[in-house]
């Protein structure tokens, strides 16, 4: 179900989307379901008659594309990949490969294909995938007027009841120890790297406030995903400049106003609020992201549609991390 605030926001956004698509069928933001079923995002901006774009492709960060153009009724997006490979003399040489994404809009839907042109002159066969227009977030909600319901304890401190891996076939480093939800992605020396699983709640949620405590080791790296879509970075960031890839950042999208991290190994607090596609992040009592809009999913998202409920999920495929006292308070319907 959708809250009253959510229904108002969706109606406002639908009106905006109709006006935007009438002016330019491609300018704006698009939620993508990329080949293989992963979550992606495409942003197209028009300034002074020129188009520019940025993209998220499954994991990683939002990155700019090389070029954007409209050819007839088709949007053409070009991405360039650079890598270094040994040359004939053994010295590294830069190798470039190009990916061309073509898209056609039909109302609010996008039909896309991608093909990659390799350095040796060959190219892959076009692969199809889909997209859907994302209306911009509505105006920031007045959080003082938002009504919250009864708190929900997500972790019972004894076992993993109510939680499961996002991909059941992966190794599981998660367990409950002395009231703490711990992740220990142990690697075996001399053997191929194991890619440990991320942990998600069985339950799915709409808008909410989530409070928790976390502890990261030196160079620790994890993340808390809101609705399985938006990652708030959990990392050992003490003493570093504020960064969208550091503690408290909406990963690669919104940079915290300051770095409020404590040293590695200490327990820290995090309060996360998601209302009407706006995110507020409080680290150790300091508000570092204040009711900022989330323009699209982040790398590693389970999906790209911000209008459907989703789980809380904890990133477990990087380093060890500890969590405790995870309490979610939903927005009252």
Foldseek 3Di string as FASTA:
>chain_A
DADPLRVVFVVVLVVVLVVVCVVPVPAAKKWWLDPVRATKIKHWHADPNAIWIWMGDAFDAIGTAPGWDQDPQKIKTKHKDWDWDQDPVRDTDIFIKMKIKIWGDDRQKIKIWIKIQGRVGDIDDIDIIIIGGDGFFDPQDDVVPFAWDDKDFCDPLAFNPQKAFPDNVAAAQWTRDRQKTKGALDDDPPDDRGFHTKMWGPDWAAWWKKKKKKAAAVQGWKWKDALLFWTQTDGQQPPHFWDLNYHRHRRNPGTFPGDPDDGHPDIKMWMWGADRQFIWIAIRNRTRGDRHHDRWGHHNGSGTDNSDIGIIMMGRRPHMMMMHRIMIIGGDD
